Amino acid sequence: MTIVEQIMIDYPEETFYVIYGFDAAIIGFDESYRRLVYDIDKVLDILVLDGMTYDDAVKFYDFEILDAYFGEGTPIFVKNYT
Protein backbone atom coordinates (compact mmCIF):
# COMPACT_ATOMS: atom_id res chain seq x y z
CA MET A 1 0.00 0.00 0.00
CA THR A 2 1.31 3.45 -0.91
CA ILE A 3 1.35 6.43 1.43
CA VAL A 4 -1.37 8.10 -0.67
CA GLU A 5 -3.58 5.03 -0.35
CA GLN A 6 -3.05 4.96 3.41
CA ILE A 7 -3.85 8.66 3.73
CA MET A 8 -7.03 8.15 1.69
CA ILE A 9 -8.06 5.36 4.07
CA ASP A 10 -7.23 7.43 7.16
CA TYR A 11 -8.97 10.58 5.83
CA PRO A 12 -11.76 9.36 3.51
CA GLU A 13 -13.73 12.61 3.78
CA GLU A 14 -10.83 14.81 2.70
CA THR A 15 -10.09 16.19 -0.74
CA PHE A 16 -6.47 17.06 -1.41
CA TYR A 17 -4.19 17.60 -4.38
CA VAL A 18 -1.78 14.89 -5.48
CA ILE A 19 1.00 15.87 -7.85
CA TYR A 20 1.01 13.20 -10.53
CA GLY A 21 4.25 11.23 -10.71
CA PHE A 22 5.55 12.26 -7.30
CA ASP A 23 3.84 9.80 -4.94
CA ALA A 24 7.25 8.53 -3.81
CA ALA A 25 8.05 12.02 -2.48
CA ILE A 26 5.03 12.15 -0.14
CA ILE A 27 6.10 11.88 3.47
CA GLY A 28 2.91 12.72 5.32
CA PHE A 29 -0.31 14.62 5.78
CA ASP A 30 -0.78 17.96 7.54
CA GLU A 31 -3.77 17.51 9.81
CA SER A 32 -4.15 21.22 10.55
CA TYR A 33 -4.63 22.32 6.95
CA ARG A 34 -5.49 18.95 5.39
CA ARG A 35 -2.69 18.93 2.81
CA LEU A 36 -0.21 16.36 1.57
CA VAL A 37 3.41 16.92 2.57
CA TYR A 38 6.19 16.32 0.05
CA ASP A 39 9.93 16.00 0.69
CA ILE A 40 11.76 18.48 -1.58
CA ASP A 41 14.84 16.28 -1.98
CA LYS A 42 12.69 13.32 -3.03
CA VAL A 43 10.92 15.53 -5.59
CA LEU A 44 14.30 16.55 -7.00
CA ASP A 45 15.47 12.92 -7.06
CA ILE A 46 12.40 11.95 -9.11
CA LEU A 47 13.06 14.75 -11.60
CA VAL A 48 16.70 13.68 -11.97
CA LEU A 49 15.66 10.04 -12.44
CA ASP A 50 13.31 11.24 -15.18
CA GLY A 51 16.31 12.66 -17.07
CA MET A 52 16.89 16.21 -15.83
CA THR A 53 20.20 17.48 -14.57
CA TYR A 54 20.15 18.43 -10.91
CA ASP A 55 20.30 22.15 -11.77
CA ASP A 56 17.41 21.81 -14.23
CA ALA A 57 15.44 19.85 -11.63
CA VAL A 58 15.90 22.66 -9.08
CA LYS A 59 14.78 25.27 -11.62
CA PHE A 60 11.76 23.18 -12.64
CA TYR A 61 10.83 22.61 -8.99
CA ASP A 62 11.15 26.32 -8.16
CA PHE A 63 9.04 27.58 -11.05
CA GLU A 64 6.63 24.76 -11.89
CA ILE A 65 6.00 23.00 -8.61
CA LEU A 66 6.77 25.24 -5.64
CA ASP A 67 5.05 28.29 -7.12
CA ALA A 68 1.91 26.37 -8.12
CA TYR A 69 -1.17 27.26 -6.08
CA PHE A 70 -4.41 25.34 -6.29
CA GLY A 71 -6.25 27.00 -3.42
CA GLU A 72 -7.06 25.08 -0.27
CA GLY A 73 -5.39 21.73 -0.39
CA THR A 74 -2.25 22.92 -2.20
CA PRO A 75 0.53 20.56 -1.07
CA ILE A 76 3.24 21.53 1.37
CA PHE A 77 6.91 21.08 0.46
CA VAL A 78 9.43 20.58 3.24
CA LYS A 79 13.18 20.26 3.49
CA ASN A 80 13.71 17.13 5.56
CA TYR A 81 16.84 17.27 7.72
CA THR A 82 16.61 13.79 9.21
PDB file of N, CA and C in Angstrom:
ATOM      1  N   MET A   1       0.843  -1.173   0.000  1.00  0.00           N
ATOM      2  CA  MET A   1       0.000   0.000   0.000  1.00  0.00           C
ATOM      3  C   MET A   1       0.894   1.244   0.000  1.00  0.00           C
ATOM      4  N   THR A   2       0.536   2.210  -0.830  1.00  0.00           N
ATOM      5  CA  THR A   2       1.314   3.446  -0.906  1.00  0.00           C
ATOM      6  C   THR A   2       0.898   4.401   0.215  1.00  0.00           C
ATOM      7  N   ILE A   3       1.696   5.418   0.425  1.00  0.00           N
ATOM      8  CA  ILE A   3       1.354   6.426   1.426  1.00  0.00           C
ATOM      9  C   ILE A   3       0.052   7.127   1.053  1.00  0.00           C
ATOM     10  N   VAL A   4      -0.133   7.426  -0.225  1.00  0.00           N
ATOM     11  CA  VAL A   4      -1.369   8.095  -0.665  1.00  0.00           C
ATOM     12  C   VAL A   4      -2.577   7.219  -0.363  1.00  0.00           C
ATOM     13  N   GLU A   5      -2.474   5.937  -0.652  1.00  0.00           N
ATOM     14  CA  GLU A   5      -3.582   5.027  -0.353  1.00  0.00           C
ATOM     15  C   GLU A   5      -3.878   4.995   1.138  1.00  0.00           C
ATOM     16  N   GLN A   6      -2.845   4.969   1.967  1.00  0.00           N
ATOM     17  CA  GLN A   6      -3.045   4.960   3.414  1.00  0.00           C
ATOM     18  C   GLN A   6      -3.696   6.251   3.888  1.00  0.00           C
ATOM     19  N   ILE A   7      -3.253   7.371   3.353  1.00  0.00           N
ATOM     20  CA  ILE A   7      -3.847   8.660   3.731  1.00  0.00           C
ATOM     21  C   ILE A   7      -5.312   8.704   3.319  1.00  0.00           C
ATOM     22  N   MET A   8      -5.637   8.167   2.146  1.00  0.00           N
ATOM     23  CA  MET A   8      -7.029   8.150   1.688  1.00  0.00           C
ATOM     24  C   MET A   8      -7.899   7.277   2.594  1.00  0.00           C
ATOM     25  N   ILE A   9      -7.336   6.210   3.127  1.00  0.00           N
ATOM     26  CA  ILE A   9      -8.064   5.362   4.072  1.00  0.00           C
ATOM     27  C   ILE A   9      -8.255   6.091   5.395  1.00  0.00           C
ATOM     28  N   ASP A  10      -7.183   6.743   5.870  1.00  0.00           N
ATOM     29  CA  ASP A  10      -7.232   7.433   7.157  1.00  0.00           C
ATOM     30  C   ASP A  10      -8.109   8.679   7.131  1.00  0.00           C
ATOM     31  N   TYR A  11      -8.220   9.332   5.967  1.00  0.00           N
ATOM     32  CA  TYR A  11      -8.971  10.579   5.825  1.00  0.00           C
ATOM     33  C   TYR A  11      -9.925  10.485   4.633  1.00  0.00           C
ATOM     34  N   PRO A  12     -10.901   9.585   4.686  1.00  0.00           N
ATOM     35  CA  PRO A  12     -11.762   9.355   3.508  1.00  0.00           C
ATOM     36  C   PRO A  12     -12.626  10.558   3.128  1.00  0.00           C
ATOM     37  N   GLU A  13     -12.877  11.448   4.053  1.00  0.00           N
ATOM     38  CA  GLU A  13     -13.729  12.606   3.776  1.00  0.00           C
ATOM     39  C   GLU A  13     -12.967  13.784   3.185  1.00  0.00           C
ATOM     40  N   GLU A  14     -11.652  13.689   3.150  1.00  0.00           N
ATOM     41  CA  GLU A  14     -10.826  14.807   2.701  1.00  0.00           C
ATOM     42  C   GLU A  14     -10.609  14.800   1.192  1.00  0.00           C
ATOM     43  N   THR A  15     -10.493  16.003   0.651  1.00  0.00           N
ATOM     44  CA  THR A  15     -10.091  16.195  -0.735  1.00  0.00           C
ATOM     45  C   THR A  15      -8.766  16.938  -0.709  1.00  0.00           C
ATOM     46  N   PHE A  16      -7.776  16.403  -1.381  1.00  0.00           N
ATOM     47  CA  PHE A  16      -6.471  17.056  -1.412  1.00  0.00           C
ATOM     48  C   PHE A  16      -5.843  16.841  -2.771  1.00  0.00           C
ATOM     49  N   TYR A  17      -4.858  17.662  -3.082  1.00  0.00           N
ATOM     50  CA  TYR A  17      -4.191  17.603  -4.375  1.00  0.00           C
ATOM     51  C   TYR A  17      -2.983  16.681  -4.328  1.00  0.00           C
ATOM     52  N   VAL A  18      -2.919  15.795  -5.309  1.00  0.00           N
ATOM     53  CA  VAL A  18      -1.782  14.895  -5.478  1.00  0.00           C
ATOM     54  C   VAL A  18      -1.064  15.323  -6.750  1.00  0.00           C
ATOM     55  N   ILE A  19       0.236  15.497  -6.671  1.00  0.00           N
ATOM     56  CA  ILE A  19       1.005  15.874  -7.849  1.00  0.00           C
ATOM     57  C   ILE A  19       1.389  14.592  -8.576  1.00  0.00           C
ATOM     58  N   TYR A  20       0.822  14.423  -9.754  1.00  0.00           N
ATOM     59  CA  TYR A  20       1.011  13.203 -10.531  1.00  0.00           C
ATOM     60  C   TYR A  20       2.498  12.915 -10.758  1.00  0.00           C
ATOM     61  N   GLY A  21       2.882  11.673 -10.476  1.00  0.00           N
ATOM     62  CA  GLY A  21       4.249  11.234 -10.707  1.00  0.00           C
ATOM     63  C   GLY A  21       5.185  11.408  -9.525  1.00  0.00           C
ATOM     64  N   PHE A  22       4.680  11.981  -8.437  1.00  0.00           N
ATOM     65  CA  PHE A  22       5.554  12.259  -7.299  1.00  0.00           C
ATOM     66  C   PHE A  22       5.084  11.589  -6.005  1.00  0.00           C
ATOM     67  N   ASP A  23       4.325  10.504  -6.132  1.00  0.00           N
ATOM     68  CA  ASP A  23       3.838   9.803  -4.938  1.00  0.00           C
ATOM     69  C   ASP A  23       4.982   9.370  -4.022  1.00  0.00           C
ATOM     70  N   ALA A  24       6.110   8.992  -4.605  1.00  0.00           N
ATOM     71  CA  ALA A  24       7.250   8.528  -3.813  1.00  0.00           C
ATOM     72  C   ALA A  24       7.859   9.643  -2.967  1.00  0.00           C
ATOM     73  N   ALA A  25       7.514  10.886  -3.242  1.00  0.00           N
ATOM     74  CA  ALA A  25       8.046  12.017  -2.475  1.00  0.00           C
ATOM     75  C   ALA A  25       7.124  12.425  -1.328  1.00  0.00           C
ATOM     76  N   ILE A  26       5.958  11.809  -1.224  1.00  0.00           N
ATOM     77  CA  ILE A  26       5.025  12.147  -0.140  1.00  0.00           C
ATOM     78  C   ILE A  26       5.529  11.529   1.151  1.00  0.00           C
ATOM     79  N   ILE A  27       5.616  12.368   2.183  1.00  0.00           N
ATOM     80  CA  ILE A  27       6.099  11.878   3.471  1.00  0.00           C
ATOM     81  C   ILE A  27       5.061  12.010   4.577  1.00  0.00           C
ATOM     82  N   GLY A  28       3.912  12.610   4.272  1.00  0.00           N
ATOM     83  CA  GLY A  28       2.914  12.724   5.317  1.00  0.00           C
ATOM     84  C   GLY A  28       1.721  13.561   4.924  1.00  0.00           C
ATOM     85  N   PHE A  29       0.926  13.876   5.939  1.00  0.00           N
ATOM     86  CA  PHE A  29      -0.310  14.625   5.775  1.00  0.00           C
ATOM     87  C   PHE A  29      -0.407  15.648   6.898  1.00  0.00           C
ATOM     88  N   ASP A  30      -0.638  16.892   6.551  1.00  0.00           N
ATOM     89  CA  ASP A  30      -0.779  17.965   7.537  1.00  0.00           C
ATOM     90  C   ASP A  30      -2.215  17.979   8.031  1.00  0.00           C
ATOM     91  N   GLU A  31      -2.419  17.590   9.267  1.00  0.00           N
ATOM     92  CA  GLU A  31      -3.771  17.506   9.814  1.00  0.00           C
ATOM     93  C   GLU A  31      -4.394  18.866  10.067  1.00  0.00           C
ATOM     94  N   SER A  32      -3.593  19.881  10.290  1.00  0.00           N
ATOM     95  CA  SER A  32      -4.150  21.217  10.551  1.00  0.00           C
ATOM     96  C   SER A  32      -4.813  21.812   9.316  1.00  0.00           C
ATOM     97  N   TYR A  33      -4.136  21.698   8.177  1.00  0.00           N
ATOM     98  CA  TYR A  33      -4.630  22.318   6.948  1.00  0.00           C
ATOM     99  C   TYR A  33      -5.070  21.313   5.899  1.00  0.00           C
ATOM    100  N   ARG A  34      -5.010  20.019   6.261  1.00  0.00           N
ATOM    101  CA  ARG A  34      -5.493  18.948   5.390  1.00  0.00           C
ATOM    102  C   ARG A  34      -4.803  18.943   4.025  1.00  0.00           C
ATOM    103  N   ARG A  35      -3.470  18.908   4.054  1.00  0.00           N
ATOM    104  CA  ARG A  35      -2.692  18.928   2.813  1.00  0.00           C
ATOM    105  C   ARG A  35      -1.624  17.849   2.853  1.00  0.00           C
ATOM    106  N   LEU A  36      -1.308  17.317   1.681  1.00  0.00           N
ATOM    107  CA  LEU A  36      -0.209  16.364   1.572  1.00  0.00           C
ATOM    108  C   LEU A  36       1.115  17.088   1.786  1.00  0.00           C
ATOM    109  N   VAL A  37       2.082  16.364   2.310  1.00  0.00           N
ATOM    110  CA  VAL A  37       3.406  16.919   2.569  1.00  0.00           C
ATOM    111  C   VAL A  37       4.419  16.153   1.728  1.00  0.00           C
ATOM    112  N   TYR A  38       5.177  16.894   0.934  1.00  0.00           N
ATOM    113  CA  TYR A  38       6.192  16.318   0.045  1.00  0.00           C
ATOM    114  C   TYR A  38       7.582  16.686   0.534  1.00  0.00           C
ATOM    115  N   ASP A  39       8.523  15.769   0.383  1.00  0.00           N
ATOM    116  CA  ASP A  39       9.931  15.997   0.686  1.00  0.00           C
ATOM    117  C   ASP A  39      10.587  16.587  -0.560  1.00  0.00           C
ATOM    118  N   ILE A  40      11.150  17.780  -0.439  1.00  0.00           N
ATOM    119  CA  ILE A  40      11.757  18.477  -1.578  1.00  0.00           C
ATOM    120  C   ILE A  40      12.863  17.643  -2.223  1.00  0.00           C
ATOM    121  N   ASP A  41      13.723  17.051  -1.411  1.00  0.00           N
ATOM    122  CA  ASP A  41      14.838  16.276  -1.976  1.00  0.00           C
ATOM    123  C   ASP A  41      14.333  15.066  -2.765  1.00  0.00           C
ATOM    124  N   LYS A  42      13.261  14.450  -2.301  1.00  0.00           N
ATOM    125  CA  LYS A  42      12.690  13.316  -3.034  1.00  0.00           C
ATOM    126  C   LYS A  42      12.068  13.777  -4.349  1.00  0.00           C
ATOM    127  N   VAL A  43      11.456  14.958  -4.339  1.00  0.00           N
ATOM    128  CA  VAL A  43      10.925  15.525  -5.590  1.00  0.00           C
ATOM    129  C   VAL A  43      12.063  15.726  -6.584  1.00  0.00           C
ATOM    130  N   LEU A  44      13.147  16.314  -6.123  1.00  0.00           N
ATOM    131  CA  LEU A  44      14.298  16.547  -7.003  1.00  0.00           C
ATOM    132  C   LEU A  44      14.885  15.236  -7.510  1.00  0.00           C
ATOM    133  N   ASP A  45      14.959  14.229  -6.645  1.00  0.00           N
ATOM    134  CA  ASP A  45      15.467  12.918  -7.060  1.00  0.00           C
ATOM    135  C   ASP A  45      14.616  12.331  -8.181  1.00  0.00           C
ATOM    136  N   ILE A  46      13.302  12.468  -8.076  1.00  0.00           N
ATOM    137  CA  ILE A  46      12.399  11.953  -9.105  1.00  0.00           C
ATOM    138  C   ILE A  46      12.642  12.676 -10.427  1.00  0.00           C
ATOM    139  N   LEU A  47      12.804  13.982 -10.368  1.00  0.00           N
ATOM    140  CA  LEU A  47      13.058  14.747 -11.597  1.00  0.00           C
ATOM    141  C   LEU A  47      14.375  14.334 -12.249  1.00  0.00           C
ATOM    142  N   VAL A  48      15.396  14.109 -11.440  1.00  0.00           N
ATOM    143  CA  VAL A  48      16.695  13.680 -11.970  1.00  0.00           C
ATOM    144  C   VAL A  48      16.571  12.276 -12.571  1.00  0.00           C
ATOM    145  N   LEU A  49      15.862  11.387 -11.905  1.00  0.00           N
ATOM    146  CA  LEU A  49      15.665  10.038 -12.444  1.00  0.00           C
ATOM    147  C   LEU A  49      14.898  10.069 -13.766  1.00  0.00           C
ATOM    148  N   ASP A  50      14.067  11.099 -13.933  1.00  0.00           N
ATOM    149  CA  ASP A  50      13.313  11.244 -15.183  1.00  0.00           C
ATOM    150  C   ASP A  50      14.144  11.876 -16.299  1.00  0.00           C
ATOM    151  N   GLY A  51      15.425  12.200 -16.010  1.00  0.00           N
ATOM    152  CA  GLY A  51      16.311  12.656 -17.067  1.00  0.00           C
ATOM    153  C   GLY A  51      16.810  14.082 -16.966  1.00  0.00           C
ATOM    154  N   MET A  52      16.402  14.827 -15.971  1.00  0.00           N
ATOM    155  CA  MET A  52      16.889  16.206 -15.825  1.00  0.00           C
ATOM    156  C   MET A  52      18.235  16.220 -15.127  1.00  0.00           C
ATOM    157  N   THR A  53      19.012  17.245 -15.390  1.00  0.00           N
ATOM    158  CA  THR A  53      20.201  17.477 -14.568  1.00  0.00           C
ATOM    159  C   THR A  53      19.706  17.989 -13.227  1.00  0.00           C
ATOM    160  N   TYR A  54      20.564  17.943 -12.226  1.00  0.00           N
ATOM    161  CA  TYR A  54      20.148  18.433 -10.906  1.00  0.00           C
ATOM    162  C   TYR A  54      19.781  19.914 -10.974  1.00  0.00           C
ATOM    163  N   ASP A  55      20.580  20.717 -11.659  1.00  0.00           N
ATOM    164  CA  ASP A  55      20.298  22.151 -11.769  1.00  0.00           C
ATOM    165  C   ASP A  55      18.965  22.407 -12.468  1.00  0.00           C
ATOM    166  N   ASP A  56      18.697  21.660 -13.540  1.00  0.00           N
ATOM    167  CA  ASP A  56      17.412  21.809 -14.231  1.00  0.00           C
ATOM    168  C   ASP A  56      16.253  21.367 -13.339  1.00  0.00           C
ATOM    169  N   ALA A  57      16.476  20.320 -12.544  1.00  0.00           N
ATOM    170  CA  ALA A  57      15.443  19.848 -11.629  1.00  0.00           C
ATOM    171  C   ALA A  57      15.104  20.920 -10.593  1.00  0.00           C
ATOM    172  N   VAL A  58      16.130  21.589 -10.063  1.00  0.00           N
ATOM    173  CA  VAL A  58      15.903  22.656  -9.085  1.00  0.00           C
ATOM    174  C   VAL A  58      15.120  23.800  -9.725  1.00  0.00           C
ATOM    175  N   LYS A  59      15.496  24.192 -10.927  1.00  0.00           N
ATOM    176  CA  LYS A  59      14.784  25.270 -11.621  1.00  0.00           C
ATOM    177  C   LYS A  59      13.333  24.880 -11.892  1.00  0.00           C
ATOM    178  N   PHE A  60      13.111  23.660 -12.360  1.00  0.00           N
ATOM    179  CA  PHE A  60      11.759  23.178 -12.636  1.00  0.00           C
ATOM    180  C   PHE A  60      10.932  23.166 -11.351  1.00  0.00           C
ATOM    181  N   TYR A  61      11.519  22.638 -10.284  1.00  0.00           N
ATOM    182  CA  TYR A  61      10.831  22.607  -8.985  1.00  0.00           C
ATOM    183  C   TYR A  61      10.449  24.025  -8.547  1.00  0.00           C
ATOM    184  N   ASP A  62      11.396  24.942  -8.614  1.00  0.00           N
ATOM    185  CA  ASP A  62      11.151  26.317  -8.160  1.00  0.00           C
ATOM    186  C   ASP A  62      10.019  26.995  -8.925  1.00  0.00           C
ATOM    187  N   PHE A  63       9.988  26.825 -10.236  1.00  0.00           N
ATOM    188  CA  PHE A  63       9.043  27.578 -11.054  1.00  0.00           C
ATOM    189  C   PHE A  63       7.747  26.836 -11.374  1.00  0.00           C
ATOM    190  N   GLU A  64       7.809  25.517 -11.462  1.00  0.00           N
ATOM    191  CA  GLU A  64       6.631  24.762 -11.893  1.00  0.00           C
ATOM    192  C   GLU A  64       5.912  24.032 -10.767  1.00  0.00           C
ATOM    193  N   ILE A  65       6.617  23.754  -9.690  1.00  0.00           N
ATOM    194  CA  ILE A  65       6.000  22.995  -8.607  1.00  0.00           C
ATOM    195  C   ILE A  65       5.793  23.871  -7.375  1.00  0.00           C
ATOM    196  N   LEU A  66       6.856  24.446  -6.867  1.00  0.00           N
ATOM    197  CA  LEU A  66       6.771  25.237  -5.640  1.00  0.00           C
ATOM    198  C   LEU A  66       5.839  26.427  -5.787  1.00  0.00           C
ATOM    199  N   ASP A  67       5.874  27.100  -6.927  1.00  0.00           N
ATOM    200  CA  ASP A  67       5.050  28.287  -7.125  1.00  0.00           C
ATOM    201  C   ASP A  67       3.605  27.991  -7.509  1.00  0.00           C
ATOM    202  N   ALA A  68       3.285  26.730  -7.746  1.00  0.00           N
ATOM    203  CA  ALA A  68       1.909  26.374  -8.125  1.00  0.00           C
ATOM    204  C   ALA A  68       0.989  26.530  -6.915  1.00  0.00           C
ATOM    205  N   TYR A  69      -0.184  27.095  -7.152  1.00  0.00           N
ATOM    206  CA  TYR A  69      -1.167  27.262  -6.080  1.00  0.00           C
ATOM    207  C   TYR A  69      -2.520  26.815  -6.601  1.00  0.00           C
ATOM    208  N   PHE A  70      -3.127  25.902  -5.880  1.00  0.00           N
ATOM    209  CA  PHE A  70      -4.408  25.343  -6.292  1.00  0.00           C
ATOM    210  C   PHE A  70      -5.532  25.722  -5.339  1.00  0.00           C
ATOM    211  N   GLY A  71      -5.259  26.656  -4.439  1.00  0.00           N
ATOM    212  CA  GLY A  71      -6.246  26.996  -3.419  1.00  0.00           C
ATOM    213  C   GLY A  71      -6.069  26.091  -2.212  1.00  0.00           C
ATOM    214  N   GLU A  72      -7.126  25.964  -1.440  1.00  0.00           N
ATOM    215  CA  GLU A  72      -7.063  25.085  -0.274  1.00  0.00           C
ATOM    216  C   GLU A  72      -6.693  23.687  -0.734  1.00  0.00           C
ATOM    217  N   GLY A  73      -5.822  23.060  -0.018  1.00  0.00           N
ATOM    218  CA  GLY A  73      -5.393  21.726  -0.394  1.00  0.00           C
ATOM    219  C   GLY A  73      -4.104  21.696  -1.181  1.00  0.00           C
ATOM    220  N   THR A  74      -3.542  22.884  -1.504  1.00  0.00           N
ATOM    221  CA  THR A  74      -2.253  22.918  -2.196  1.00  0.00           C
ATOM    222  C   THR A  74      -1.220  22.217  -1.310  1.00  0.00           C
ATOM    223  N   PRO A  75      -0.444  21.303  -1.875  1.00  0.00           N
ATOM    224  CA  PRO A  75       0.526  20.556  -1.067  1.00  0.00           C
ATOM    225  C   PRO A  75       1.561  21.459  -0.388  1.00  0.00           C
ATOM    226  N   ILE A  76       2.152  20.890   0.640  1.00  0.00           N
ATOM    227  CA  ILE A  76       3.241  21.532   1.373  1.00  0.00           C
ATOM    228  C   ILE A  76       4.540  20.838   0.973  1.00  0.00           C
ATOM    229  N   PHE A  77       5.591  21.613   0.804  1.00  0.00           N
ATOM    230  CA  PHE A  77       6.906  21.077   0.464  1.00  0.00           C
ATOM    231  C   PHE A  77       7.852  21.404   1.604  1.00  0.00           C
ATOM    232  N   VAL A  78       8.540  20.383   2.103  1.00  0.00           N
ATOM    233  CA  VAL A  78       9.432  20.580   3.241  1.00  0.00           C
ATOM    234  C   VAL A  78      10.831  20.079   2.907  1.00  0.00           C
ATOM    235  N   LYS A  79      11.787  20.710   3.546  1.00  0.00           N
ATOM    236  CA  LYS A  79      13.182  20.256   3.495  1.00  0.00           C
ATOM    237  C   LYS A  79      13.356  19.371   4.712  1.00  0.00           C
ATOM    238  N   ASN A  80      13.603  18.097   4.482  1.00  0.00           N
ATOM    239  CA  ASN A  80      13.714  17.131   5.556  1.00  0.00           C
ATOM    240  C   ASN A  80      15.179  17.022   5.984  1.00  0.00           C
ATOM    241  N   TYR A  81      15.459  17.291   7.229  1.00  0.00           N
ATOM    242  CA  TYR A  81      16.836  17.274   7.725  1.00  0.00           C
ATOM    243  C   TYR A  81      17.152  16.028   8.556  1.00  0.00           C
ATOM    244  N   THR A  82      16.329  14.999   8.436  1.00  0.00           N
ATOM    245  CA  THR A  82      16.609  13.792   9.214  1.00  0.00           C
ATOM    246  C   THR A  82      17.449  12.829   8.439  1.00  0.00           C
TER     247      THR A  82
END
